[in-house]
Amino acid sequence: MKRLLFGSIALAQSVGAYAIDAAAAEPPLEPHPIGTIVFIVLFVGFCVGFAWMVWRKKADKKEE
């Protein structure tokens, strides 16, 4: 029972601290477009590379 009581008190305090911090926070900055473009290119490149390696491995197993 003590653990439940102390846990609920700690939870109430942490929620209150988060609400105060969230109200004082500034809106996030806009990301730089070059960083976004680089991320998209790398993400798509890795996805295509992974799909190509899986397809190539499947083709190698069919030949055997």
Protein backbone atom coordinates (compact mmCIF):
# COMPACT_ATOMS: atom_id res chain seq x y z
CA MET A 1 0.00 0.00 0.00
CA LYS A 2 2.88 2.34 0.80
CA ARG A 3 4.44 1.71 -2.63
CA LEU A 4 1.16 2.58 -4.33
CA LEU A 5 0.83 5.78 -2.32
CA PHE A 6 4.41 6.89 -2.95
CA GLY A 7 4.14 5.95 -6.62
CA SER A 8 0.99 7.99 -7.10
CA ILE A 9 2.59 10.99 -5.38
CA ALA A 10 5.68 10.73 -7.59
CA LEU A 11 3.49 10.39 -10.69
CA ALA A 12 1.47 13.47 -9.75
CA GLN A 13 4.63 15.50 -9.22
CA SER A 14 6.20 14.42 -12.50
CA VAL A 15 3.02 15.18 -14.47
CA GLY A 16 2.88 18.62 -12.91
CA ALA A 17 6.53 19.31 -13.73
CA TYR A 18 5.99 18.20 -17.32
CA ALA A 19 2.97 20.48 -17.71
CA ILE A 20 4.97 23.50 -16.50
CA ASP A 21 7.88 22.64 -18.81
CA ALA A 22 5.64 22.07 -21.82
CA ALA A 23 3.92 25.43 -21.35
CA ALA A 24 7.25 27.29 -21.29
CA ALA A 25 8.70 25.51 -24.32
CA GLU A 26 9.12 27.42 -27.56
CA PRO A 27 7.81 26.04 -30.82
CA PRO A 28 10.32 23.81 -32.62
CA LEU A 29 12.53 25.27 -35.31
CA GLU A 30 11.96 24.33 -38.94
CA PRO A 31 14.51 21.79 -40.21
CA HIS A 32 16.89 22.82 -42.97
CA PRO A 33 15.64 21.54 -46.35
CA ILE A 34 19.05 20.15 -47.36
CA GLY A 35 19.09 17.90 -44.31
CA THR A 36 15.62 16.64 -45.14
CA ILE A 37 16.60 15.94 -48.76
CA VAL A 38 19.75 14.09 -47.68
CA PHE A 39 17.74 11.99 -45.24
CA ILE A 40 15.16 11.09 -47.90
CA VAL A 41 17.84 10.18 -50.45
CA LEU A 42 19.72 8.00 -47.96
CA PHE A 43 16.56 6.35 -46.65
CA VAL A 44 15.26 5.50 -50.12
CA GLY A 45 18.74 4.38 -51.19
CA PHE A 46 19.06 2.00 -48.24
CA CYS A 47 15.55 0.62 -48.86
CA VAL A 48 16.29 0.02 -52.55
CA GLY A 49 19.67 -1.52 -51.72
CA PHE A 50 18.11 -3.84 -49.15
CA ALA A 51 15.37 -4.92 -51.57
CA TRP A 52 17.96 -5.52 -54.31
CA MET A 53 20.11 -7.67 -52.00
CA VAL A 54 17.08 -9.75 -50.93
CA TRP A 55 16.00 -10.17 -54.57
CA ARG A 56 19.53 -11.15 -55.61
CA LYS A 57 19.81 -13.68 -52.78
CA LYS A 58 16.44 -15.19 -53.74
CA ALA A 59 17.58 -15.45 -57.38
CA ASP A 60 20.79 -17.20 -56.31
CA LYS A 61 18.82 -19.81 -54.32
CA LYS A 62 16.58 -20.58 -57.31
CA GLU A 63 19.61 -21.37 -59.53
CA GLU A 64 20.91 -24.01 -57.12
